[in-house]
């Protein structure tokens, strides 16, 4: 009863191992977790022998008669170095000249005796440990040596021949322990040559039909093919070389960074050329090309903040002496305190309009000239800070002109971070350096 229960449990475990063979793996994106082919199947054939590397002088039969064996396996790779596989094996094991006793401490063997054990079936669950994954420049390993060990169950019958008499024994079931070593050669992506040598320790003394009180054993040297299951685009986990993958990814990232740097340099050169064009004043009307909606105006034409001619021009009052009072300075100081721009832009926020309107009224009423000087801290590139300081000064000029101020009496200049009034090493100092200075004269 116990034998039947154990046999049933072993069969169920092998079925459970192979039930997920064709399960779908999740697709992988470039920067997501890498996925692999972890299932594989193999088939092999080789030589079955009653002799093993562990026999020495202790054996039931003096000589082995090598015969053909064949089998296959289903494997699940758990880690790059560890896999679990279900092994299947069939064939015959034969030997010649049975042990007949000791003479002077030396074993003697009987002529005209032999055995033939037929493996009806055998199944084992084994762990396969990869000793190394040898590949430096390729992600798929070329050579993978391994060790294996496990437990199995088999059904076999032995025919023992003495002279012309054949003693045919019934099929018997029993446990065995397979251990082995071998290596795999990668010949294509997902295809490996498999060479191995296994020794099977049978938990029976009559596996060869001749019970001397010791458990029997037999060997199996084989060669075969292994095929990985799943998408051909994915690497096989047991063959995967993380070192080679790291080398390839590093080379790809380096090439991508070089391309990005080259593109950035080209864009910077293009931006510098565009900035020079935008901040130029081709028609000399006092409004930069970027803000000039009426390019090509004649020299001396009074224009508004957008660079377009004013139809009704004001009378230009020429004063021999300009007097700037404290009240005038307070108007300008109040405008400076309330001046706000959108973050990183030259767009004036509406909260600044009221005090700027007073400055425009002052310029119209007293015909003052005004110098606008834009400044920044040292955060960011020099080219960006120069452009931003210049554009903010031009934006204020355009607004004042739109409120009636004379564009020819307003000078807009950007100095970037070149004229700090405080240390750029502190947040407070950088805040003071981000400013637009108004100078009446």
Foldseek 3Di string as FASTA:
>chain_A
DVVVVVVVVVVVVQCVVCVCQAPADDDDDPPDDADFQFKKKKKKKFWKELDDPPCPQNDQADFWDIDMKIWMKIWGAPALFKIKIKIKIWDKTKGAFGWDDDDPNHIDTDHFKMKIKGWPMKIWIKMKGWPDQDDAQDQFGFKTKIKMKTKMKTWMWMWMTHNNDIDTGHIDMFMKIKIWIWMWGDPDFQKIKTWMKIKIFTPDQCSRPDRPPGTGIMMTTIIIMMGGDDDSVHGHSNRGDVNNVVVVVVVVVVVVVVVVVVVVVVVVVVVVVVLVQQQPQVQPQLAGNVQAPDHPDHPPAWAFLSNHGDPDDDDQDDDPDADQDPVLVVLQVVLFVQWDAPPLALHTDPSSVVSLLVNLVVCVVRVKAKEKEFEAAPPDDQVSQQSRRQSNQSSSLNSSRNSPHGSVRYHGGYDYNPDQPADSPDPVSRVRRGGMDMDID
